[in-house]
Every structure is written in structure tokens, then in C-alpha cells.
Amino acid sequence: MQKRKNPEFRKLEILEHFYEVVIQEGIEGASMAKIAASMKINTSLIFHYFQNKENLLIELAGYIQKKYDPRHVREKLRKIKDPERRFDVLLDILFSETDVTTLHPRVFYAFYYLSYRSPKIRERLILMFEKHRDWIIKELEIFLEEGIIKDIDLELAADFIVSNFEGLSFHSEFLARDKPFDLFGKFSKKMTRDYLKA
């Protein structure tokens, strides 16, 4: 007899499949039935956990928040004691294709659109970006103290970095065409470095 799964684990599993279905079908085409089919389970189980698609979307916004959070970057930077190297590694990571594409663009832009009609989803996305910005501010405080960056408004600087970082995804999707990601990534990184450097 198959062992029953922990409810939280099962919910996470459903959200992971929902994420993949959105990539394949788009937000409008992603139904509970399609999620259930991809998991080979009964649709009623998804209804049991989420009741309706609106709740499912709000929970997926929370899942996206966690997926966007660069924990691996924080861990990597924490191990670097030399502040100059830490600064270089931070910029390398932030403007790399791997980090920019943590979230699939189809999912990201679908939720960007949904945030205009759902206050709950909008709030989750705002918190996601603010958390990212606040983490960057803490890094900038270290670099300012060490004399690596100039004395500037750190919150404004972090807003600039987050906007620049998000602009890479926009450029890659809508302006780059056949140009390699790295071309604009390196340009954006240089612009950020020049803006920050003491």
C-alpha cells in the first residue's frame, strides 16, 4: 500500500507541477485538470488542498517568491572574506544568465500581468522584490564601509541594481533577438560597476 504523503509536501508537489504547466500552457490554459493529469492524480485532490484556481495562483505566487530568493548566492558570498572579491562575485552572479533565468520568463511575466488584477499576488511580488533589494542594500553597506563603493544613497542604488537586473530578462525576451545574453549582461554589469565604484 502506498504511504500517504505529508500535506505540505503534497501541496509543494502540486505547485511545482502547476509551475511546469504554466510554462507549457500559459496562465490561461493551466487548469487544475491539466495539473492533475501531469501528476497522474485525481483533480479532487487539488481541490481538496486549494479549493479554487485563485487560491492556487496566490500560493504559486508564494512559491515563486521562494524560488526567486537567491539563497545560494547569499551562501556563496558569506564564504568570501575579501570584500573586493565579494563585490566582483556579487556582480558576476547578478548579471549572469543563470541567475536572471531563475524564474522561467513565461511564469514571471504571467504573474507580472496578474499582479495588476490581484492585490494579493501584487503584494507577494512587491515583497519578493523588496526582499531582494534589502539583501543588496546589506551587501552595499559592507562595500561602503570597506571603501569599495562611493558614498551614495544605498536604497536608491539597490533599486537601480534590481531594476537593471530585471531589465536583463526584458532585454533577452524582447530586444536581443539573436544576440547572446552575455553581450547585454556584460554591458549592464559595467554600467552598475561604474555607477557604484569609488
N, C-alpha and C. Protein backbone atom coordinates (compact mmCIF):
# COMPACT_ATOMS: atom_id res chain seq x y z
N MET A 1 0.84 -1.20 0.00
CA MET A 1 0.00 0.00 0.00
C MET A 1 0.88 1.26 0.00
N GLN A 2 0.57 2.24 -0.86
CA GLN A 2 1.38 3.44 -0.95
C GLN A 2 1.20 4.31 0.29
N LYS A 3 2.34 4.75 0.82
CA LYS A 3 2.31 5.60 2.01
C LYS A 3 1.75 6.99 1.65
N ARG A 4 0.87 7.51 2.50
CA ARG A 4 0.31 8.84 2.25
C ARG A 4 1.37 9.90 2.44
N LYS A 5 1.34 10.89 1.57
CA LYS A 5 2.34 11.95 1.64
C LYS A 5 1.90 13.03 2.62
N ASN A 6 2.90 13.65 3.25
CA ASN A 6 2.67 14.79 4.13
C ASN A 6 1.92 15.89 3.36
N PRO A 7 0.87 16.50 3.94
CA PRO A 7 0.09 17.51 3.22
C PRO A 7 0.92 18.67 2.66
N GLU A 8 1.90 19.14 3.44
CA GLU A 8 2.73 20.26 2.96
C GLU A 8 3.59 19.83 1.78
N PHE A 9 4.09 18.61 1.85
CA PHE A 9 4.89 18.08 0.74
C PHE A 9 4.02 17.93 -0.50
N ARG A 10 2.81 17.44 -0.31
CA ARG A 10 1.88 17.25 -1.44
C ARG A 10 1.52 18.60 -2.06
N LYS A 11 1.28 19.61 -1.24
CA LYS A 11 0.96 20.95 -1.76
C LYS A 11 2.13 21.51 -2.58
N LEU A 12 3.34 21.33 -2.06
CA LEU A 12 4.53 21.80 -2.78
C LEU A 12 4.66 21.08 -4.12
N GLU A 13 4.39 19.79 -4.11
CA GLU A 13 4.45 18.99 -5.33
C GLU A 13 3.44 19.50 -6.37
N ILE A 14 2.24 19.83 -5.91
CA ILE A 14 1.21 20.37 -6.81
C ILE A 14 1.67 21.71 -7.39
N LEU A 15 2.25 22.56 -6.56
CA LEU A 15 2.72 23.87 -7.02
C LEU A 15 3.86 23.73 -8.04
N GLU A 16 4.74 22.76 -7.81
CA GLU A 16 5.83 22.52 -8.77
C GLU A 16 5.28 22.10 -10.12
N HIS A 17 4.27 21.25 -10.11
CA HIS A 17 3.64 20.82 -11.36
C HIS A 17 2.87 21.97 -12.00
N PHE A 18 2.21 22.77 -11.19
CA PHE A 18 1.49 23.94 -11.70
C PHE A 18 2.46 24.87 -12.43
N TYR A 19 3.61 25.10 -11.83
CA TYR A 19 4.66 25.94 -12.42
C TYR A 19 5.02 25.42 -13.82
N GLU A 20 5.22 24.10 -13.92
CA GLU A 20 5.58 23.49 -15.21
C GLU A 20 4.44 23.58 -16.22
N VAL A 21 3.21 23.41 -15.74
CA VAL A 21 2.05 23.50 -16.64
C VAL A 21 1.91 24.93 -17.18
N VAL A 22 2.17 25.93 -16.34
CA VAL A 22 2.12 27.33 -16.80
C VAL A 22 3.15 27.56 -17.90
N ILE A 23 4.34 26.97 -17.76
CA ILE A 23 5.37 27.09 -18.80
C ILE A 23 4.86 26.52 -20.12
N GLN A 24 4.20 25.36 -20.04
CA GLN A 24 3.73 24.68 -21.26
C GLN A 24 2.45 25.29 -21.84
N GLU A 25 1.51 25.65 -20.97
CA GLU A 25 0.17 26.03 -21.42
C GLU A 25 -0.16 27.51 -21.29
N GLY A 26 0.69 28.26 -20.58
CA GLY A 26 0.35 29.65 -20.27
C GLY A 26 -0.58 29.70 -19.08
N ILE A 27 -0.75 30.88 -18.51
CA ILE A 27 -1.55 31.01 -17.29
C ILE A 27 -3.03 30.73 -17.55
N GLU A 28 -3.52 31.11 -18.73
CA GLU A 28 -4.94 30.90 -19.05
C GLU A 28 -5.24 29.42 -19.30
N GLY A 29 -4.28 28.72 -19.87
CA GLY A 29 -4.51 27.31 -20.22
C GLY A 29 -4.20 26.34 -19.10
N ALA A 30 -3.62 26.85 -18.01
CA ALA A 30 -3.21 25.97 -16.90
C ALA A 30 -4.40 25.72 -15.98
N SER A 31 -5.03 24.58 -16.14
CA SER A 31 -6.21 24.24 -15.32
C SER A 31 -5.83 23.20 -14.27
N MET A 32 -6.71 23.04 -13.29
CA MET A 32 -6.50 22.01 -12.27
C MET A 32 -6.47 20.62 -12.91
N ALA A 33 -7.29 20.43 -13.93
CA ALA A 33 -7.34 19.14 -14.62
C ALA A 33 -5.99 18.82 -15.28
N LYS A 34 -5.36 19.85 -15.87
CA LYS A 34 -4.06 19.63 -16.53
C LYS A 34 -2.95 19.37 -15.51
N ILE A 35 -3.05 20.05 -14.37
CA ILE A 35 -2.07 19.79 -13.30
C ILE A 35 -2.23 18.36 -12.81
N ALA A 36 -3.48 17.96 -12.57
CA ALA A 36 -3.76 16.60 -12.10
C ALA A 36 -3.27 15.56 -13.11
N ALA A 37 -3.48 15.83 -14.39
CA ALA A 37 -3.03 14.90 -15.44
C ALA A 37 -1.52 14.77 -15.43
N SER A 38 -0.82 15.88 -15.23
CA SER A 38 0.65 15.84 -15.23
C SER A 38 1.18 15.08 -14.02
N MET A 39 0.38 15.04 -12.94
CA MET A 39 0.78 14.34 -11.72
C MET A 39 0.22 12.92 -11.64
N LYS A 40 -0.72 12.62 -12.57
CA LYS A 40 -1.41 11.32 -12.55
C LYS A 40 -2.16 11.12 -11.23
N ILE A 41 -2.89 12.18 -10.84
CA ILE A 41 -3.73 12.11 -9.65
C ILE A 41 -5.13 12.60 -10.02
N ASN A 42 -6.06 12.45 -9.09
CA ASN A 42 -7.43 12.92 -9.32
C ASN A 42 -7.50 14.43 -9.06
N THR A 43 -8.25 15.13 -9.90
CA THR A 43 -8.41 16.59 -9.76
C THR A 43 -8.96 16.96 -8.38
N SER A 44 -9.75 16.09 -7.80
CA SER A 44 -10.37 16.38 -6.50
C SER A 44 -9.32 16.61 -5.41
N LEU A 45 -8.15 15.99 -5.57
CA LEU A 45 -7.08 16.17 -4.57
C LEU A 45 -6.57 17.62 -4.60
N ILE A 46 -6.48 18.20 -5.79
CA ILE A 46 -6.04 19.60 -5.91
C ILE A 46 -7.11 20.51 -5.31
N PHE A 47 -8.38 20.21 -5.59
CA PHE A 47 -9.48 20.98 -4.99
C PHE A 47 -9.43 20.88 -3.46
N HIS A 48 -9.09 19.71 -2.96
CA HIS A 48 -9.01 19.49 -1.52
C HIS A 48 -8.01 20.45 -0.87
N TYR A 49 -6.86 20.64 -1.51
CA TYR A 49 -5.82 21.49 -0.95
C TYR A 49 -6.00 22.98 -1.24
N PHE A 50 -6.56 23.31 -2.40
CA PHE A 50 -6.59 24.72 -2.81
C PHE A 50 -7.99 25.31 -3.06
N GLN A 51 -9.01 24.49 -3.14
CA GLN A 51 -10.42 24.89 -3.33
C GLN A 51 -10.74 25.50 -4.70
N ASN A 52 -9.89 26.40 -5.19
CA ASN A 52 -10.15 27.02 -6.49
C ASN A 52 -8.85 27.51 -7.12
N LYS A 53 -8.95 27.92 -8.39
CA LYS A 53 -7.75 28.34 -9.12
C LYS A 53 -7.15 29.62 -8.54
N GLU A 54 -8.00 30.50 -8.04
CA GLU A 54 -7.49 31.77 -7.47
C GLU A 54 -6.55 31.50 -6.29
N ASN A 55 -6.96 30.59 -5.40
CA ASN A 55 -6.10 30.22 -4.27
C ASN A 55 -4.81 29.57 -4.77
N LEU A 56 -4.94 28.76 -5.78
CA LEU A 56 -3.78 28.09 -6.37
C LEU A 56 -2.80 29.11 -6.93
N LEU A 57 -3.31 30.14 -7.59
CA LEU A 57 -2.46 31.20 -8.15
C LEU A 57 -1.75 31.97 -7.05
N ILE A 58 -2.46 32.28 -5.98
CA ILE A 58 -1.86 33.02 -4.86
C ILE A 58 -0.75 32.19 -4.22
N GLU A 59 -1.01 30.89 -4.06
CA GLU A 59 0.01 30.00 -3.48
C GLU A 59 1.20 29.86 -4.42
N LEU A 60 0.94 29.84 -5.73
CA LEU A 60 2.05 29.75 -6.68
C LEU A 60 2.88 31.03 -6.64
N ALA A 61 2.24 32.17 -6.40
CA ALA A 61 2.99 33.43 -6.24
C ALA A 61 3.94 33.32 -5.05
N GLY A 62 3.49 32.66 -3.98
CA GLY A 62 4.36 32.41 -2.82
C GLY A 62 5.51 31.48 -3.16
N TYR A 63 5.22 30.46 -3.96
CA TYR A 63 6.25 29.52 -4.42
C TYR A 63 7.30 30.26 -5.25
N ILE A 64 6.84 31.19 -6.11
CA ILE A 64 7.74 31.99 -6.95
C ILE A 64 8.62 32.88 -6.08
N GLN A 65 8.04 33.44 -5.02
CA GLN A 65 8.81 34.25 -4.07
C GLN A 65 10.02 33.48 -3.57
N LYS A 66 9.79 32.24 -3.15
CA LYS A 66 10.87 31.41 -2.61
C LYS A 66 11.88 31.03 -3.68
N LYS A 67 11.39 30.74 -4.87
CA LYS A 67 12.26 30.35 -5.98
C LYS A 67 13.15 31.52 -6.41
N TYR A 68 12.61 32.73 -6.32
CA TYR A 68 13.34 33.94 -6.73
C TYR A 68 14.43 34.30 -5.72
N ASP A 69 14.20 33.95 -4.45
CA ASP A 69 15.12 34.31 -3.37
C ASP A 69 16.48 33.64 -3.57
N PRO A 70 17.55 34.43 -3.77
CA PRO A 70 18.85 33.84 -4.13
C PRO A 70 19.64 33.31 -2.92
N ARG A 71 19.12 32.30 -2.25
CA ARG A 71 19.79 31.75 -1.07
C ARG A 71 21.18 31.22 -1.40
N HIS A 72 21.30 30.57 -2.55
CA HIS A 72 22.59 30.01 -2.95
C HIS A 72 23.63 31.11 -3.12
N VAL A 73 23.18 32.30 -3.57
CA VAL A 73 24.09 33.44 -3.76
C VAL A 73 24.55 33.94 -2.40
N ARG A 74 23.62 34.07 -1.47
CA ARG A 74 23.97 34.55 -0.13
C ARG A 74 24.98 33.62 0.53
N GLU A 75 24.75 32.31 0.39
CA GLU A 75 25.66 31.33 0.98
C GLU A 75 27.05 31.45 0.35
N LYS A 76 27.09 31.59 -0.95
CA LYS A 76 28.37 31.71 -1.66
C LYS A 76 29.11 32.97 -1.21
N LEU A 77 28.40 34.08 -1.12
CA LEU A 77 29.04 35.35 -0.74
C LEU A 77 29.51 35.34 0.71
N ARG A 78 28.75 34.69 1.58
CA ARG A 78 29.11 34.64 3.00
C ARG A 78 30.49 34.02 3.22
N LYS A 79 30.86 33.12 2.34
CA LYS A 79 32.14 32.43 2.49
C LYS A 79 33.32 33.26 2.00
N ILE A 80 33.04 34.34 1.28
CA ILE A 80 34.11 35.18 0.72
C ILE A 80 34.45 36.28 1.71
N LYS A 81 35.67 36.24 2.24
CA LYS A 81 36.08 37.20 3.26
C LYS A 81 36.67 38.48 2.66
N ASP A 82 37.30 38.37 1.50
CA ASP A 82 37.88 39.55 0.86
C ASP A 82 36.76 40.40 0.24
N PRO A 83 36.54 41.65 0.72
CA PRO A 83 35.40 42.45 0.25
C PRO A 83 35.45 42.81 -1.23
N GLU A 84 36.65 43.04 -1.77
CA GLU A 84 36.76 43.38 -3.19
C GLU A 84 36.33 42.20 -4.06
N ARG A 85 36.78 41.01 -3.65
CA ARG A 85 36.38 39.80 -4.40
C ARG A 85 34.88 39.56 -4.24
N ARG A 86 34.37 39.81 -3.04
CA ARG A 86 32.94 39.62 -2.78
C ARG A 86 32.11 40.54 -3.69
N PHE A 87 32.57 41.78 -3.86
CA PHE A 87 31.90 42.74 -4.74
C PHE A 87 31.88 42.22 -6.18
N ASP A 88 33.04 41.73 -6.65
CA ASP A 88 33.14 41.22 -8.02
C ASP A 88 32.23 40.01 -8.23
N VAL A 89 32.23 39.10 -7.26
CA VAL A 89 31.41 37.89 -7.38
C VAL A 89 29.92 38.24 -7.36
N LEU A 90 29.53 39.21 -6.52
CA LEU A 90 28.12 39.63 -6.48
C LEU A 90 27.67 40.12 -7.86
N LEU A 91 28.47 40.98 -8.48
CA LEU A 91 28.10 41.50 -9.81
C LEU A 91 28.09 40.39 -10.86
N ASP A 92 29.09 39.49 -10.77
CA ASP A 92 29.14 38.37 -11.73
C ASP A 92 27.87 37.53 -11.66
N ILE A 93 27.43 37.26 -10.44
CA ILE A 93 26.24 36.42 -10.25
C ILE A 93 24.97 37.15 -10.68
N LEU A 94 24.82 38.40 -10.23
CA LEU A 94 23.60 39.16 -10.52
C LEU A 94 23.36 39.35 -12.01
N PHE A 95 24.45 39.46 -12.76
CA PHE A 95 24.30 39.74 -14.19
C PHE A 95 24.64 38.54 -15.07
N SER A 96 24.51 37.35 -14.48
CA SER A 96 24.71 36.12 -15.25
C SER A 96 23.37 35.60 -15.74
N GLU A 97 23.40 34.88 -16.84
CA GLU A 97 22.16 34.33 -17.40
C GLU A 97 21.51 33.34 -16.43
N THR A 98 22.34 32.58 -15.72
CA THR A 98 21.82 31.58 -14.78
C THR A 98 20.96 32.23 -13.70
N ASP A 99 21.43 33.35 -13.14
CA ASP A 99 20.69 33.98 -12.06
C ASP A 99 19.45 34.72 -12.57
N VAL A 100 19.57 35.34 -13.72
CA VAL A 100 18.44 36.08 -14.29
C VAL A 100 17.30 35.14 -14.66
N THR A 101 17.64 33.92 -15.08
CA THR A 101 16.62 32.97 -15.52
C THR A 101 16.22 31.97 -14.43
N THR A 102 16.40 32.36 -13.16
CA THR A 102 15.95 31.50 -12.05
C THR A 102 14.46 31.18 -12.21
N LEU A 103 13.69 32.20 -12.60
CA LEU A 103 12.27 32.01 -12.90
C LEU A 103 12.09 31.96 -14.41
N HIS A 104 11.29 31.02 -14.86
CA HIS A 104 11.02 30.95 -16.30
C HIS A 104 10.26 32.21 -16.71
N PRO A 105 10.67 32.88 -17.82
CA PRO A 105 10.01 34.13 -18.22
C PRO A 105 8.50 34.00 -18.44
N ARG A 106 8.03 32.84 -18.91
CA ARG A 106 6.58 32.68 -19.12
C ARG A 106 5.82 32.77 -17.80
N VAL A 107 6.42 32.21 -16.77
CA VAL A 107 5.79 32.26 -15.45
C VAL A 107 5.92 33.66 -14.87
N PHE A 108 7.12 34.22 -14.96
CA PHE A 108 7.38 35.55 -14.39
C PHE A 108 6.44 36.60 -14.99
N TYR A 109 6.37 36.65 -16.31
CA TYR A 109 5.55 37.69 -16.95
C TYR A 109 4.05 37.43 -16.79
N ALA A 110 3.68 36.15 -16.65
CA ALA A 110 2.27 35.84 -16.37
C ALA A 110 1.86 36.43 -15.02
N PHE A 111 2.74 36.31 -14.03
CA PHE A 111 2.42 36.83 -12.70
C PHE A 111 2.58 38.34 -12.63
N TYR A 112 3.45 38.87 -13.45
CA TYR A 112 3.56 40.33 -13.57
C TYR A 112 2.21 40.89 -14.04
N TYR A 113 1.64 40.22 -15.05
CA TYR A 113 0.32 40.60 -15.57
C TYR A 113 -0.77 40.43 -14.50
N LEU A 114 -0.76 39.29 -13.82
CA LEU A 114 -1.78 39.01 -12.80
C LEU A 114 -1.73 39.98 -11.63
N SER A 115 -0.55 40.53 -11.37
CA SER A 115 -0.40 41.44 -10.23
C SER A 115 -1.23 42.71 -10.39
N TYR A 116 -1.65 43.00 -11.63
CA TYR A 116 -2.47 44.19 -11.87
C TYR A 116 -3.95 43.96 -11.59
N ARG A 117 -4.33 42.69 -11.44
CA ARG A 117 -5.74 42.44 -11.14
C ARG A 117 -5.96 41.71 -9.81
N SER A 118 -4.86 41.26 -9.21
CA SER A 118 -4.98 40.59 -7.92
C SER A 118 -4.09 41.28 -6.89
N PRO A 119 -4.68 42.02 -5.94
CA PRO A 119 -3.88 42.70 -4.91
C PRO A 119 -3.01 41.73 -4.10
N LYS A 120 -3.50 40.51 -3.87
CA LYS A 120 -2.73 39.53 -3.09
C LYS A 120 -1.48 39.09 -3.84
N ILE A 121 -1.63 38.86 -5.14
CA ILE A 121 -0.47 38.47 -5.95
C ILE A 121 0.49 39.65 -6.07
N ARG A 122 -0.06 40.85 -6.26
CA ARG A 122 0.78 42.05 -6.36
C ARG A 122 1.62 42.24 -5.09
N GLU A 123 0.99 42.05 -3.94
CA GLU A 123 1.70 42.22 -2.67
C GLU A 123 2.83 41.21 -2.53
N ARG A 124 2.59 39.99 -2.99
CA ARG A 124 3.64 38.97 -2.90
C ARG A 124 4.83 39.31 -3.80
N LEU A 125 4.53 39.83 -4.99
CA LEU A 125 5.61 40.22 -5.90
C LEU A 125 6.38 41.42 -5.35
N ILE A 126 5.66 42.38 -4.78
CA ILE A 126 6.32 43.54 -4.18
C ILE A 126 7.26 43.09 -3.06
N LEU A 127 6.78 42.21 -2.20
CA LEU A 127 7.61 41.69 -1.11
C LEU A 127 8.82 40.94 -1.64
N MET A 128 8.64 40.22 -2.73
CA MET A 128 9.73 39.47 -3.36
C MET A 128 10.84 40.42 -3.81
N PHE A 129 10.45 41.49 -4.51
CA PHE A 129 11.44 42.45 -5.00
C PHE A 129 12.06 43.25 -3.85
N GLU A 130 11.26 43.59 -2.85
CA GLU A 130 11.78 44.34 -1.71
C GLU A 130 12.80 43.51 -0.92
N LYS A 131 12.52 42.23 -0.77
CA LYS A 131 13.46 41.36 -0.05
C LYS A 131 14.79 41.28 -0.79
N HIS A 132 14.71 41.18 -2.11
CA HIS A 132 15.92 41.13 -2.94
C HIS A 132 16.68 42.45 -2.81
N ARG A 133 15.95 43.56 -2.87
CA ARG A 133 16.57 44.87 -2.73
C ARG A 133 17.22 45.05 -1.36
N ASP A 134 16.53 44.62 -0.30
CA ASP A 134 17.05 44.79 1.06
C ASP A 134 18.32 43.98 1.28
N TRP A 135 18.37 42.80 0.66
CA TRP A 135 19.59 41.99 0.75
C TRP A 135 20.74 42.70 0.04
N ILE A 136 20.48 43.30 -1.12
CA ILE A 136 21.52 44.03 -1.85
C ILE A 136 21.98 45.24 -1.04
N ILE A 137 21.07 45.92 -0.35
CA ILE A 137 21.45 47.06 0.50
C ILE A 137 22.46 46.61 1.56
N LYS A 138 22.21 45.45 2.18
CA LYS A 138 23.14 44.94 3.21
C LYS A 138 24.52 44.67 2.63
N GLU A 139 24.55 44.15 1.41
CA GLU A 139 25.85 43.93 0.75
C GLU A 139 26.53 45.27 0.46
N LEU A 140 25.76 46.23 -0.01
CA LEU A 140 26.32 47.55 -0.32
C LEU A 140 26.86 48.24 0.93
N GLU A 141 26.22 48.01 2.07
CA GLU A 141 26.71 48.58 3.33
C GLU A 141 28.11 48.07 3.65
N ILE A 142 28.34 46.79 3.39
CA ILE A 142 29.67 46.20 3.59
C ILE A 142 30.68 46.87 2.67
N PHE A 143 30.32 47.01 1.40
CA PHE A 143 31.24 47.58 0.42
C PHE A 143 31.52 49.06 0.69
N LEU A 144 30.52 49.78 1.19
CA LEU A 144 30.70 51.19 1.52
C LEU A 144 31.66 51.33 2.70
N GLU A 145 31.46 50.49 3.70
CA GLU A 145 32.32 50.52 4.89
C GLU A 145 33.77 50.21 4.54
N GLU A 146 33.96 49.35 3.55
CA GLU A 146 35.32 48.95 3.14
C GLU A 146 35.91 49.92 2.11
N GLY A 147 35.15 50.93 1.71
CA GLY A 147 35.67 51.91 0.74
C GLY A 147 35.69 51.42 -0.69
N ILE A 148 34.93 50.36 -0.98
CA ILE A 148 34.91 49.79 -2.33
C ILE A 148 33.95 50.56 -3.23
N ILE A 149 32.87 51.05 -2.65
CA ILE A 149 31.93 51.85 -3.44
C ILE A 149 31.87 53.27 -2.86
N LYS A 150 31.38 54.20 -3.68
CA LYS A 150 31.31 55.59 -3.23
C LYS A 150 30.12 55.79 -2.30
N ASP A 151 30.13 56.92 -1.62
CA ASP A 151 29.07 57.25 -0.65
C ASP A 151 27.84 57.74 -1.41
N ILE A 152 26.88 56.84 -1.58
CA ILE A 152 25.66 57.16 -2.32
C ILE A 152 24.45 56.70 -1.51
N ASP A 153 23.27 57.07 -1.95
CA ASP A 153 22.03 56.60 -1.34
C ASP A 153 21.91 55.11 -1.64
N LEU A 154 22.10 54.27 -0.62
CA LEU A 154 22.17 52.82 -0.83
C LEU A 154 20.84 52.22 -1.28
N GLU A 155 19.73 52.76 -0.77
CA GLU A 155 18.43 52.23 -1.19
C GLU A 155 18.18 52.55 -2.66
N LEU A 156 18.54 53.76 -3.06
CA LEU A 156 18.39 54.16 -4.46
C LEU A 156 19.30 53.30 -5.36
N ALA A 157 20.52 53.06 -4.87
CA ALA A 157 21.46 52.23 -5.62
C ALA A 157 20.94 50.80 -5.77
N ALA A 158 20.36 50.26 -4.68
CA ALA A 158 19.82 48.90 -4.74
C ALA A 158 18.60 48.83 -5.66
N ASP A 159 17.77 49.88 -5.65
CA ASP A 159 16.64 49.94 -6.59
C ASP A 159 17.15 49.91 -8.04
N PHE A 160 18.22 50.65 -8.28
CA PHE A 160 18.83 50.69 -9.62
C PHE A 160 19.32 49.30 -10.03
N ILE A 161 19.98 48.61 -9.09
CA ILE A 161 20.53 47.27 -9.39
C ILE A 161 19.40 46.28 -9.68
N VAL A 162 18.36 46.28 -8.85
CA VAL A 162 17.23 45.36 -9.07
C VAL A 162 16.56 45.66 -10.41
N SER A 163 16.38 46.93 -10.72
CA SER A 163 15.74 47.31 -11.99
C SER A 163 16.62 46.92 -13.18
N ASN A 164 17.92 47.09 -13.02
CA ASN A 164 18.87 46.71 -14.07
C ASN A 164 18.87 45.20 -14.27
N PHE A 165 18.88 44.48 -13.14
CA PHE A 165 18.84 43.02 -13.14
C PHE A 165 17.57 42.51 -13.85
N GLU A 166 16.42 43.09 -13.50
CA GLU A 166 15.16 42.68 -14.13
C GLU A 166 15.11 43.07 -15.60
N GLY A 167 15.78 44.18 -15.93
CA GLY A 167 15.83 44.62 -17.32
C GLY A 167 16.54 43.65 -18.23
N LEU A 168 17.44 42.84 -17.66
CA LEU A 168 18.14 41.83 -18.47
C LEU A 168 17.17 40.81 -19.03
N SER A 169 16.21 40.40 -18.20
CA SER A 169 15.20 39.44 -18.66
C SER A 169 14.35 40.06 -19.76
N PHE A 170 13.94 41.31 -19.56
CA PHE A 170 13.14 42.02 -20.57
C PHE A 170 13.91 42.11 -21.89
N HIS A 171 15.18 42.50 -21.79
CA HIS A 171 16.01 42.63 -23.00
C HIS A 171 16.15 41.29 -23.71
N SER A 172 16.42 40.25 -22.94
CA SER A 172 16.60 38.91 -23.51
C SER A 172 15.35 38.44 -24.24
N GLU A 173 14.18 38.73 -23.67
CA GLU A 173 12.91 38.27 -24.25
C GLU A 173 12.44 39.10 -25.43
N PHE A 174 12.67 40.43 -25.39
CA PHE A 174 12.02 41.31 -26.36
C PHE A 174 12.94 42.12 -27.28
N LEU A 175 14.22 42.26 -26.92
CA LEU A 175 15.09 43.10 -27.74
C LEU A 175 16.31 42.38 -28.31
N ALA A 176 16.77 41.33 -27.65
CA ALA A 176 18.04 40.70 -28.02
C ALA A 176 18.00 40.00 -29.37
N ARG A 177 16.87 39.40 -29.71
CA ARG A 177 16.76 38.56 -30.90
C ARG A 177 17.87 37.51 -30.90
N ASP A 178 18.80 37.57 -31.86
CA ASP A 178 19.84 36.52 -31.93
C ASP A 178 21.10 36.87 -31.15
N LYS A 179 21.11 38.02 -30.50
CA LYS A 179 22.33 38.42 -29.78
C LYS A 179 22.48 37.59 -28.50
N PRO A 180 23.72 37.21 -28.16
CA PRO A 180 23.92 36.42 -26.94
C PRO A 180 23.59 37.22 -25.69
N PHE A 181 23.07 36.53 -24.69
CA PHE A 181 22.69 37.16 -23.42
C PHE A 181 23.86 37.93 -22.83
N ASP A 182 25.04 37.33 -22.92
CA ASP A 182 26.24 37.87 -22.29
C ASP A 182 26.58 39.28 -22.77
N LEU A 183 26.23 39.59 -24.01
CA LEU A 183 26.57 40.89 -24.58
C LEU A 183 25.95 42.02 -23.76
N PHE A 184 24.66 41.95 -23.52
CA PHE A 184 23.98 42.98 -22.74
C PHE A 184 24.25 42.80 -21.25
N GLY A 185 24.45 41.54 -20.82
CA GLY A 185 24.76 41.26 -19.42
C GLY A 185 26.04 41.94 -18.99
N LYS A 186 27.08 41.85 -19.82
CA LYS A 186 28.36 42.48 -19.50
C LYS A 186 28.24 44.00 -19.51
N PHE A 187 27.46 44.52 -20.46
CA PHE A 187 27.24 45.97 -20.53
C PHE A 187 26.53 46.46 -19.26
N SER A 188 25.50 45.75 -18.84
CA SER A 188 24.74 46.12 -17.63
C SER A 188 25.61 46.04 -16.39
N LYS A 189 26.45 45.01 -16.33
CA LYS A 189 27.35 44.86 -15.19
C LYS A 189 28.35 46.02 -15.12
N LYS A 190 28.89 46.41 -16.28
CA LYS A 190 29.84 47.53 -16.33
C LYS A 190 29.16 48.84 -15.91
N MET A 191 27.94 49.06 -16.39
CA MET A 191 27.20 50.27 -16.02
C MET A 191 26.99 50.32 -14.50
N THR A 192 26.66 49.18 -13.92
CA THR A 192 26.43 49.11 -12.47
C THR A 192 27.73 49.35 -11.71
N ARG A 193 28.79 48.71 -12.17
CA ARG A 193 30.11 48.89 -11.53
C ARG A 193 30.54 50.36 -11.58
N ASP A 194 30.43 50.97 -12.76
CA ASP A 194 30.83 52.37 -12.92
C ASP A 194 30.01 53.30 -12.03
N TYR A 195 28.74 52.97 -11.88
CA TYR A 195 27.84 53.77 -11.05
C TYR A 195 28.21 53.67 -9.56
N LEU A 196 28.64 52.48 -9.14
CA LEU A 196 28.91 52.24 -7.72
C LEU A 196 30.33 52.56 -7.28
N LYS A 197 31.28 52.35 -8.17
CA LYS A 197 32.69 52.35 -7.77
C LYS A 197 33.18 53.69 -7.23
N ALA A 198 33.97 53.57 -6.16
CA ALA A 198 34.56 54.77 -5.54
C ALA A 198 35.67 55.31 -6.43
